[in-house]
PDB file of N, CA and C in Angstrom:
ATOM      1  N   MET A   1     -68.745 -90.682 -53.085  1.00  0.00           N
ATOM      2  CA  MET A   1     -68.770 -92.075 -52.666  1.00  0.00           C
ATOM      3  C   MET A   1     -69.869 -92.799 -53.416  1.00  0.00           C
ATOM      4  N   SER A   2     -69.535 -93.905 -53.964  1.00  0.00           N
ATOM      5  CA  SER A   2     -70.563 -94.670 -54.650  1.00  0.00           C
ATOM      6  C   SER A   2     -71.020 -95.810 -53.767  1.00  0.00           C
ATOM      7  N   SER A   3     -72.299 -96.145 -53.883  1.00  0.00           N
ATOM      8  CA  SER A   3     -72.838 -97.182 -53.018  1.00  0.00           C
ATOM      9  C   SER A   3     -72.279 -98.556 -53.354  1.00  0.00           C
ATOM     10  N   SER A   4     -71.696 -98.716 -54.554  1.00  0.00           N
ATOM     11  CA  SER A   4     -71.115-100.012 -54.894  1.00  0.00           C
ATOM     12  C   SER A   4     -69.845-100.285 -54.096  1.00  0.00           C
ATOM     13  N   ARG A   5     -69.181 -99.217 -53.616  1.00  0.00           N
ATOM     14  CA  ARG A   5     -67.967 -99.403 -52.825  1.00  0.00           C
ATOM     15  C   ARG A   5     -68.246 -99.402 -51.337  1.00  0.00           C
ATOM     16  N   SER A   6     -69.376 -98.886 -50.926  1.00  0.00           N
ATOM     17  CA  SER A   6     -69.644 -98.694 -49.513  1.00  0.00           C
ATOM     18  C   SER A   6     -70.616 -99.725 -48.976  1.00  0.00           C
ATOM     19  N   PRO A   7     -70.382-100.187 -47.763  1.00  0.00           N
ATOM     20  CA  PRO A   7     -71.281-101.171 -47.154  1.00  0.00           C
ATOM     21  C   PRO A   7     -72.531-100.511 -46.611  1.00  0.00           C
ATOM     22  N   GLY A   8     -73.502-101.335 -46.288  1.00  0.00           N
ATOM     23  CA  GLY A   8     -74.634-100.845 -45.533  1.00  0.00           C
ATOM     24  C   GLY A   8     -75.861-100.484 -46.323  1.00  0.00           C
ATOM     25  N   ARG A   9     -75.736 -99.924 -47.467  1.00  0.00           N
ATOM     26  CA  ARG A   9     -76.901 -99.474 -48.209  1.00  0.00           C
ATOM     27  C   ARG A   9     -77.665-100.651 -48.771  1.00  0.00           C
ATOM     28  N   GLY A  10     -78.880-100.806 -48.310  1.00  0.00           N
ATOM     29  CA  GLY A  10     -79.744-101.854 -48.812  1.00  0.00           C
ATOM     30  C   GLY A  10     -79.370-103.251 -48.361  1.00  0.00           C
ATOM     31  N   ARG A  11     -78.451-103.372 -47.451  1.00  0.00           N
ATOM     32  CA  ARG A  11     -78.001-104.709 -47.052  1.00  0.00           C
ATOM     33  C   ARG A  11     -78.813-105.276 -45.911  1.00  0.00           C
ATOM     34  N   ARG A  12     -79.178-104.451 -44.932  1.00  0.00           N
ATOM     35  CA  ARG A  12     -79.919-104.927 -43.776  1.00  0.00           C
ATOM     36  C   ARG A  12     -81.080-104.000 -43.512  1.00  0.00           C
ATOM     37  N   PRO A  13     -82.277-104.544 -43.492  1.00  0.00           N
ATOM     38  CA  PRO A  13     -83.404-103.678 -43.152  1.00  0.00           C
ATOM     39  C   PRO A  13     -83.368-103.310 -41.678  1.00  0.00           C
ATOM     40  N   ARG A  14     -83.712-102.100 -41.376  1.00  0.00           N
ATOM     41  CA  ARG A  14     -83.758-101.667 -39.984  1.00  0.00           C
ATOM     42  C   ARG A  14     -85.111-102.024 -39.400  1.00  0.00           C
ATOM     43  N   THR A  15     -85.101-102.519 -38.199  1.00  0.00           N
ATOM     44  CA  THR A  15     -86.345-102.917 -37.552  1.00  0.00           C
ATOM     45  C   THR A  15     -86.748-101.936 -36.469  1.00  0.00           C
ATOM     46  N   GLY A  16     -86.036-100.835 -36.342  1.00  0.00           N
ATOM     47  CA  GLY A  16     -86.328 -99.884 -35.301  1.00  0.00           C
ATOM     48  C   GLY A  16     -85.530-100.140 -34.034  1.00  0.00           C
ATOM     49  N   SER A  17     -84.829-101.234 -33.965  1.00  0.00           N
ATOM     50  CA  SER A  17     -84.023-101.551 -32.796  1.00  0.00           C
ATOM     51  C   SER A  17     -82.770-100.700 -32.794  1.00  0.00           C
ATOM     52  N   ASP A  18     -82.312-100.326 -31.612  1.00  0.00           N
ATOM     53  CA  ASP A  18     -81.065 -99.572 -31.524  1.00  0.00           C
ATOM     54  C   ASP A  18     -79.909-100.472 -31.110  1.00  0.00           C
ATOM     55  N   ALA A  19     -80.028-101.768 -31.333  1.00  0.00           N
ATOM     56  CA  ALA A  19     -78.995-102.718 -30.928  1.00  0.00           C
ATOM     57  C   ALA A  19     -77.619-102.362 -31.484  1.00  0.00           C
ATOM     58  N   PRO A  20     -77.472-102.075 -32.781  1.00  0.00           N
ATOM     59  CA  PRO A  20     -76.125-101.741 -33.278  1.00  0.00           C
ATOM     60  C   PRO A  20     -75.565-100.484 -32.615  1.00  0.00           C
ATOM     61  N   ASP A  21     -76.389 -99.457 -32.439  1.00  0.00           N
ATOM     62  CA  ASP A  21     -75.912 -98.237 -31.801  1.00  0.00           C
ATOM     63  C   ASP A  21     -75.470 -98.507 -30.369  1.00  0.00           C
ATOM     64  N   HIS A  22     -76.230 -99.307 -29.656  1.00  0.00           N
ATOM     65  CA  HIS A  22     -75.895 -99.638 -28.270  1.00  0.00           C
ATOM     66  C   HIS A  22     -74.564-100.395 -28.208  1.00  0.00           C
ATOM     67  N   LEU A  23     -74.357-101.318 -29.149  1.00  0.00           N
ATOM     68  CA  LEU A  23     -73.104-102.072 -29.176  1.00  0.00           C
ATOM     69  C   LEU A  23     -71.927-101.183 -29.554  1.00  0.00           C
ATOM     70  N   VAL A  24     -72.122-100.312 -30.524  1.00  0.00           N
ATOM     71  CA  VAL A  24     -71.049 -99.409 -30.947  1.00  0.00           C
ATOM     72  C   VAL A  24     -70.637 -98.512 -29.781  1.00  0.00           C
ATOM     73  N   ASP A  25     -71.610 -98.105 -28.972  1.00  0.00           N
ATOM     74  CA  ASP A  25     -71.297 -97.264 -27.817  1.00  0.00           C
ATOM     75  C   ASP A  25     -70.382 -97.974 -26.820  1.00  0.00           C
ATOM     76  N   GLY A  26     -70.347 -99.299 -26.837  1.00  0.00           N
ATOM     77  CA  GLY A  26     -69.491-100.059 -25.935  1.00  0.00           C
ATOM     78  C   GLY A  26     -68.053-100.187 -26.407  1.00  0.00           C
ATOM     79  N   LEU A  27     -67.772 -99.744 -27.612  1.00  0.00           N
ATOM     80  CA  LEU A  27     -66.416 -99.813 -28.168  1.00  0.00           C
ATOM     81  C   LEU A  27     -65.574 -98.631 -27.692  1.00  0.00           C
ATOM     82  N   ALA A  28     -64.267 -98.755 -27.864  1.00  0.00           N
ATOM     83  CA  ALA A  28     -63.373 -97.623 -27.625  1.00  0.00           C
ATOM     84  C   ALA A  28     -63.764 -96.495 -28.585  1.00  0.00           C
ATOM     85  N   PRO A  29     -63.566 -95.240 -28.197  1.00  0.00           N
ATOM     86  CA  PRO A  29     -64.033 -94.114 -29.021  1.00  0.00           C
ATOM     87  C   PRO A  29     -63.583 -94.158 -30.490  1.00  0.00           C
ATOM     88  N   ARG A  30     -62.315 -94.485 -30.741  1.00  0.00           N
ATOM     89  CA  ARG A  30     -61.848 -94.512 -32.128  1.00  0.00           C
ATOM     90  C   ARG A  30     -62.503 -95.646 -32.900  1.00  0.00           C
ATOM     91  N   GLN A  31     -62.644 -96.815 -32.274  1.00  0.00           N
ATOM     92  CA  GLN A  31     -63.301 -97.936 -32.933  1.00  0.00           C
ATOM     93  C   GLN A  31     -64.773 -97.621 -33.189  1.00  0.00           C
ATOM     94  N   ALA A  32     -65.428 -96.965 -32.257  1.00  0.00           N
ATOM     95  CA  ALA A  32     -66.830 -96.583 -32.436  1.00  0.00           C
ATOM     96  C   ALA A  32     -66.973 -95.638 -33.629  1.00  0.00           C
ATOM     97  N   LEU A  33     -66.079 -94.673 -33.740  1.00  0.00           N
ATOM     98  CA  LEU A  33     -66.132 -93.739 -34.858  1.00  0.00           C
ATOM     99  C   LEU A  33     -65.913 -94.470 -36.183  1.00  0.00           C
ATOM    100  N   ILE A  34     -64.951 -95.375 -36.215  1.00  0.00           N
ATOM    101  CA  ILE A  34     -64.691 -96.148 -37.436  1.00  0.00           C
ATOM    102  C   ILE A  34     -65.932 -96.929 -37.842  1.00  0.00           C
ATOM    103  N   MET A  35     -66.595 -97.564 -36.894  1.00  0.00           N
ATOM    104  CA  MET A  35     -67.793 -98.342 -37.217  1.00  0.00           C
ATOM    105  C   MET A  35     -68.923 -97.436 -37.696  1.00  0.00           C
ATOM    106  N   ARG A  36     -69.087 -96.285 -37.071  1.00  0.00           N
ATOM    107  CA  ARG A  36     -70.134 -95.351 -37.512  1.00  0.00           C
ATOM    108  C   ARG A  36     -69.877 -94.866 -38.938  1.00  0.00           C
ATOM    109  N   LEU A  37     -68.628 -94.544 -39.229  1.00  0.00           N
ATOM    110  CA  LEU A  37     -68.283 -94.085 -40.576  1.00  0.00           C
ATOM    111  C   LEU A  37     -68.383 -95.225 -41.591  1.00  0.00           C
ATOM    112  N   ARG A  38     -67.911 -96.393 -41.236  1.00  0.00           N
ATOM    113  CA  ARG A  38     -67.871 -97.531 -42.164  1.00  0.00           C
ATOM    114  C   ARG A  38     -69.260 -97.983 -42.577  1.00  0.00           C
ATOM    115  N   PHE A  39     -70.193 -98.020 -41.620  1.00  0.00           N
ATOM    116  CA  PHE A  39     -71.516 -98.566 -41.891  1.00  0.00           C
ATOM    117  C   PHE A  39     -72.613 -97.522 -41.934  1.00  0.00           C
ATOM    118  N   GLY A  40     -72.241 -96.253 -41.911  1.00  0.00           N
ATOM    119  CA  GLY A  40     -73.233 -95.199 -42.074  1.00  0.00           C
ATOM    120  C   GLY A  40     -74.203 -95.079 -40.910  1.00  0.00           C
ATOM    121  N   LEU A  41     -73.721 -95.275 -39.689  1.00  0.00           N
ATOM    122  CA  LEU A  41     -74.569 -95.138 -38.509  1.00  0.00           C
ATOM    123  C   LEU A  41     -74.607 -93.678 -38.067  1.00  0.00           C
ATOM    124  N   ASP A  42     -75.633 -93.319 -37.335  1.00  0.00           N
ATOM    125  CA  ASP A  42     -75.782 -91.966 -36.774  1.00  0.00           C
ATOM    126  C   ASP A  42     -75.761 -90.875 -37.837  1.00  0.00           C
ATOM    127  N   GLY A  43     -76.312 -91.169 -38.997  1.00  0.00           N
ATOM    128  CA  GLY A  43     -76.427 -90.164 -40.042  1.00  0.00           C
ATOM    129  C   GLY A  43     -75.195 -89.968 -40.904  1.00  0.00           C
ATOM    130  N   HIS A  44     -74.135 -90.712 -40.644  1.00  0.00           N
ATOM    131  CA  HIS A  44     -72.936 -90.624 -41.485  1.00  0.00           C
ATOM    132  C   HIS A  44     -73.188 -91.364 -42.795  1.00  0.00           C
ATOM    133  N   ASP A  45     -72.564 -90.904 -43.865  1.00  0.00           N
ATOM    134  CA  ASP A  45     -72.570 -91.673 -45.109  1.00  0.00           C
ATOM    135  C   ASP A  45     -71.572 -92.809 -44.956  1.00  0.00           C
ATOM    136  N   PRO A  46     -71.891 -94.013 -45.467  1.00  0.00           N
ATOM    137  CA  PRO A  46     -70.922 -95.118 -45.395  1.00  0.00           C
ATOM    138  C   PRO A  46     -69.630 -94.760 -46.133  1.00  0.00           C
ATOM    139  N   CYS A  47     -68.512 -95.105 -45.538  1.00  0.00           N
ATOM    140  CA  CYS A  47     -67.203 -94.793 -46.111  1.00  0.00           C
ATOM    141  C   CYS A  47     -66.394 -96.068 -46.309  1.00  0.00           C
ATOM    142  N   THR A  48     -65.457 -96.014 -47.231  1.00  0.00           N
ATOM    143  CA  THR A  48     -64.521 -97.115 -47.444  1.00  0.00           C
ATOM    144  C   THR A  48     -63.396 -97.000 -46.409  1.00  0.00           C
ATOM    145  N   PRO A  49     -62.648 -98.083 -46.190  1.00  0.00           N
ATOM    146  CA  PRO A  49     -61.498 -97.977 -45.281  1.00  0.00           C
ATOM    147  C   PRO A  49     -60.515 -96.885 -45.689  1.00  0.00           C
ATOM    148  N   ARG A  50     -60.320 -96.708 -46.967  1.00  0.00           N
ATOM    149  CA  ARG A  50     -59.394 -95.664 -47.436  1.00  0.00           C
ATOM    150  C   ARG A  50     -59.909 -94.276 -47.061  1.00  0.00           C
ATOM    151  N   GLU A  51     -61.198 -94.037 -47.244  1.00  0.00           N
ATOM    152  CA  GLU A  51     -61.779 -92.731 -46.894  1.00  0.00           C
ATOM    153  C   GLU A  51     -61.670 -92.466 -45.388  1.00  0.00           C
ATOM    154  N   ILE A  52     -61.923 -93.492 -44.596  1.00  0.00           N
ATOM    155  CA  ILE A  52     -61.817 -93.351 -43.150  1.00  0.00           C
ATOM    156  C   ILE A  52     -60.364 -93.084 -42.756  1.00  0.00           C
ATOM    157  N   ALA A  53     -59.445 -93.804 -43.384  1.00  0.00           N
ATOM    158  CA  ALA A  53     -58.019 -93.627 -43.095  1.00  0.00           C
ATOM    159  C   ALA A  53     -57.588 -92.185 -43.343  1.00  0.00           C
ATOM    160  N   VAL A  54     -58.022 -91.620 -44.450  1.00  0.00           N
ATOM    161  CA  VAL A  54     -57.666 -90.236 -44.762  1.00  0.00           C
ATOM    162  C   VAL A  54     -58.243 -89.283 -43.713  1.00  0.00           C
ATOM    163  N   LYS A  55     -59.512 -89.497 -43.333  1.00  0.00           N
ATOM    164  CA  LYS A  55     -60.154 -88.626 -42.349  1.00  0.00           C
ATOM    165  C   LYS A  55     -59.480 -88.692 -40.986  1.00  0.00           C
ATOM    166  N   LEU A  56     -59.017 -89.882 -40.590  1.00  0.00           N
ATOM    167  CA  LEU A  56     -58.484 -90.070 -39.244  1.00  0.00           C
ATOM    168  C   LEU A  56     -56.960 -90.115 -39.177  1.00  0.00           C
ATOM    169  N   GLY A  57     -56.287 -90.024 -40.318  1.00  0.00           N
ATOM    170  CA  GLY A  57     -54.826 -90.053 -40.325  1.00  0.00           C
ATOM    171  C   GLY A  57     -54.257 -91.424 -40.013  1.00  0.00           C
ATOM    172  N   LEU A  58     -54.949 -92.468 -40.463  1.00  0.00           N
ATOM    173  CA  LEU A  58     -54.515 -93.848 -40.255  1.00  0.00           C
ATOM    174  C   LEU A  58     -54.243 -94.503 -41.602  1.00  0.00           C
ATOM    175  N   THR A  59     -53.710 -95.711 -41.588  1.00  0.00           N
ATOM    176  CA  THR A  59     -53.578 -96.462 -42.828  1.00  0.00           C
ATOM    177  C   THR A  59     -54.865 -97.253 -43.054  1.00  0.00           C
ATOM    178  N   PRO A  60     -55.218 -97.520 -44.320  1.00  0.00           N
ATOM    179  CA  PRO A  60     -56.403 -98.343 -44.587  1.00  0.00           C
ATOM    180  C   PRO A  60     -56.316 -99.724 -43.935  1.00  0.00           C
ATOM    181  N   GLN A  61     -55.108-100.278 -43.866  1.00  0.00           N
ATOM    182  CA  GLN A  61     -54.929-101.584 -43.237  1.00  0.00           C
ATOM    183  C   GLN A  61     -55.282-101.531 -41.750  1.00  0.00           C
ATOM    184  N   TRP A  62     -54.887-100.454 -41.073  1.00  0.00           N
ATOM    185  CA  TRP A  62     -55.189-100.323 -39.651  1.00  0.00           C
ATOM    186  C   TRP A  62     -56.698-100.136 -39.444  1.00  0.00           C
ATOM    187  N   VAL A  63     -57.333 -99.386 -40.340  1.00  0.00           N
ATOM    188  CA  VAL A  63     -58.789 -99.213 -40.259  1.00  0.00           C
ATOM    189  C   VAL A  63     -59.473-100.571 -40.398  1.00  0.00           C
ATOM    190  N   ARG A  64     -59.034-101.385 -41.361  1.00  0.00           N
ATOM    191  CA  ARG A  64     -59.629-102.715 -41.545  1.00  0.00           C
ATOM    192  C   ARG A  64     -59.410-103.597 -40.314  1.00  0.00           C
ATOM    193  N   GLN A  65     -58.224-103.512 -39.706  1.00  0.00           N
ATOM    194  CA  GLN A  65     -57.939-104.302 -38.513  1.00  0.00           C
ATOM    195  C   GLN A  65     -58.844-103.885 -37.349  1.00  0.00           C
ATOM    196  N   LEU A  66     -58.994-102.593 -37.146  1.00  0.00           N
ATOM    197  CA  LEU A  66     -59.868-102.114 -36.079  1.00  0.00           C
ATOM    198  C   LEU A  66     -61.326-102.469 -36.352  1.00  0.00           C
ATOM    199  N   GLU A  67     -61.736-102.420 -37.611  1.00  0.00           N
ATOM    200  CA  GLU A  67     -63.092-102.831 -37.977  1.00  0.00           C
ATOM    201  C   GLU A  67     -63.301-104.312 -37.657  1.00  0.00           C
ATOM    202  N   LYS A  68     -62.325-105.135 -38.020  1.00  0.00           N
ATOM    203  CA  LYS A  68     -62.415-106.577 -37.766  1.00  0.00           C
ATOM    204  C   LYS A  68     -62.520-106.859 -36.269  1.00  0.00           C
ATOM    205  N   GLU A  69     -61.680-106.213 -35.466  1.00  0.00           N
ATOM    206  CA  GLU A  69     -61.722-106.393 -34.011  1.00  0.00           C
ATOM    207  C   GLU A  69     -63.057-105.925 -33.436  1.00  0.00           C
ATOM    208  N   SER A  70     -63.554-104.816 -33.950  1.00  0.00           N
ATOM    209  CA  SER A  70     -64.822-104.275 -33.461  1.00  0.00           C
ATOM    210  C   SER A  70     -65.982-105.205 -33.781  1.00  0.00           C
ATOM    211  N   LEU A  71     -66.004-105.734 -34.999  1.00  0.00           N
ATOM    212  CA  LEU A  71     -67.068-106.656 -35.379  1.00  0.00           C
ATOM    213  C   LEU A  71     -67.027-107.924 -34.536  1.00  0.00           C
ATOM    214  N   ALA A  72     -65.828-108.417 -34.266  1.00  0.00           N
ATOM    215  CA  ALA A  72     -65.702-109.611 -33.421  1.00  0.00           C
ATOM    216  C   ALA A  72     -66.235-109.335 -32.020  1.00  0.00           C
ATOM    217  N   TRP A  73     -65.910-108.191 -31.465  1.00  0.00           N
ATOM    218  CA  TRP A  73     -66.397-107.832 -30.142  1.00  0.00           C
ATOM    219  C   TRP A  73     -67.918-107.707 -30.156  1.00  0.00           C
ATOM    220  N   MET A  74     -68.450-107.057 -31.197  1.00  0.00           N
ATOM    221  CA  MET A  74     -69.897-106.866 -31.295  1.00  0.00           C
ATOM    222  C   MET A  74     -70.621-108.205 -31.454  1.00  0.00           C
ATOM    223  N   ARG A  75     -70.033-109.124 -32.219  1.00  0.00           N
ATOM    224  CA  ARG A  75     -70.641-110.455 -32.366  1.00  0.00           C
ATOM    225  C   ARG A  75     -70.712-111.159 -31.015  1.00  0.00           C
ATOM    226  N   GLY A  76     -69.667-111.051 -30.238  1.00  0.00           N
ATOM    227  CA  GLY A  76     -69.624-111.700 -28.936  1.00  0.00           C
ATOM    228  C   GLY A  76     -70.623-111.132 -27.944  1.00  0.00           C
ATOM    229  N   HIS A  77     -70.930-109.865 -28.079  1.00  0.00           N
ATOM    230  CA  HIS A  77     -71.862-109.217 -27.169  1.00  0.00           C
ATOM    231  C   HIS A  77     -73.251-109.041 -27.775  1.00  0.00           C
ATOM    232  N   GLY A  78     -73.363-109.257 -29.076  1.00  0.00           N
ATOM    233  CA  GLY A  78     -74.605-108.961 -29.790  1.00  0.00           C
ATOM    234  C   GLY A  78     -75.772-109.860 -29.487  1.00  0.00           C
ATOM    235  N   SER A  79     -75.546-111.143 -29.208  1.00  0.00           N
ATOM    236  CA  SER A  79     -76.666-112.051 -28.971  1.00  0.00           C
ATOM    237  C   SER A  79     -77.445-111.624 -27.734  1.00  0.00           C
ATOM    238  N   ARG A  80     -76.745-111.065 -26.767  1.00  0.00           N
ATOM    239  CA  ARG A  80     -77.432-110.596 -25.568  1.00  0.00           C
ATOM    240  C   ARG A  80     -78.096-109.253 -25.788  1.00  0.00           C
ATOM    241  N   GLN A  81     -77.690-108.515 -26.788  1.00  0.00           N
ATOM    242  CA  GLN A  81     -78.188-107.162 -26.997  1.00  0.00           C
ATOM    243  C   GLN A  81     -79.232-107.069 -28.098  1.00  0.00           C
ATOM    244  N   GLY A  82     -79.633-108.179 -28.703  1.00  0.00           N
ATOM    245  CA  GLY A  82     -80.644-108.136 -29.747  1.00  0.00           C
ATOM    246  C   GLY A  82     -80.089-107.932 -31.147  1.00  0.00           C
ATOM    247  N   LEU A  83     -78.785-108.072 -31.322  1.00  0.00           N
ATOM    248  CA  LEU A  83     -78.181-107.861 -32.634  1.00  0.00           C
ATOM    249  C   LEU A  83     -78.687-108.883 -33.649  1.00  0.00           C
ATOM    250  N   ARG A  84     -78.879-110.111 -33.230  1.00  0.00           N
ATOM    251  CA  ARG A  84     -79.351-111.137 -34.153  1.00  0.00           C
ATOM    252  C   ARG A  84     -80.729-110.792 -34.701  1.00  0.00           C
ATOM    253  N   ALA A  85     -81.614-110.291 -33.878  1.00  0.00           N
ATOM    254  CA  ALA A  85     -82.941-109.889 -34.338  1.00  0.00           C
ATOM    255  C   ALA A  85     -82.848-108.703 -35.280  1.00  0.00           C
ATOM    256  N   TRP A  86     -81.961-107.760 -35.002  1.00  0.00           N
ATOM    257  CA  TRP A  86     -81.804-106.585 -35.853  1.00  0.00           C
ATOM    258  C   TRP A  86     -81.284-106.980 -37.231  1.00  0.00           C
ATOM    259  N   ALA A  87     -80.346-107.937 -37.274  1.00  0.00           N
ATOM    260  CA  ALA A  87     -79.703-108.307 -38.516  1.00  0.00           C
ATOM    261  C   ALA A  87     -80.556-109.252 -39.376  1.00  0.00           C
ATOM    262  N   SER A  88     -81.594-109.828 -38.827  1.00  0.00           N
ATOM    263  CA  SER A  88     -82.394-110.782 -39.603  1.00  0.00           C
ATOM    264  C   SER A  88     -83.445-110.110 -40.450  1.00  0.00           C
TER     265      SER A  88
END
């Protein structure tokens, strides 16, 4: 995996907050796993939608759709959980 294809590396500095992890824990198990793999949370290397699709037996399009839904949910709940401070 090259970092040019994968999100997360060098994009957001971590401030020590566990806000993203706490929000991911609120997702459905499959969506939580997709987010962890996609953005390299919990020690996973960041993966592309295609790589995640192969690992989980899904289509890349479905992975992108679940990622989009998960991000929307996290945005809606993130302001209360400190996500804005983590992302700044």
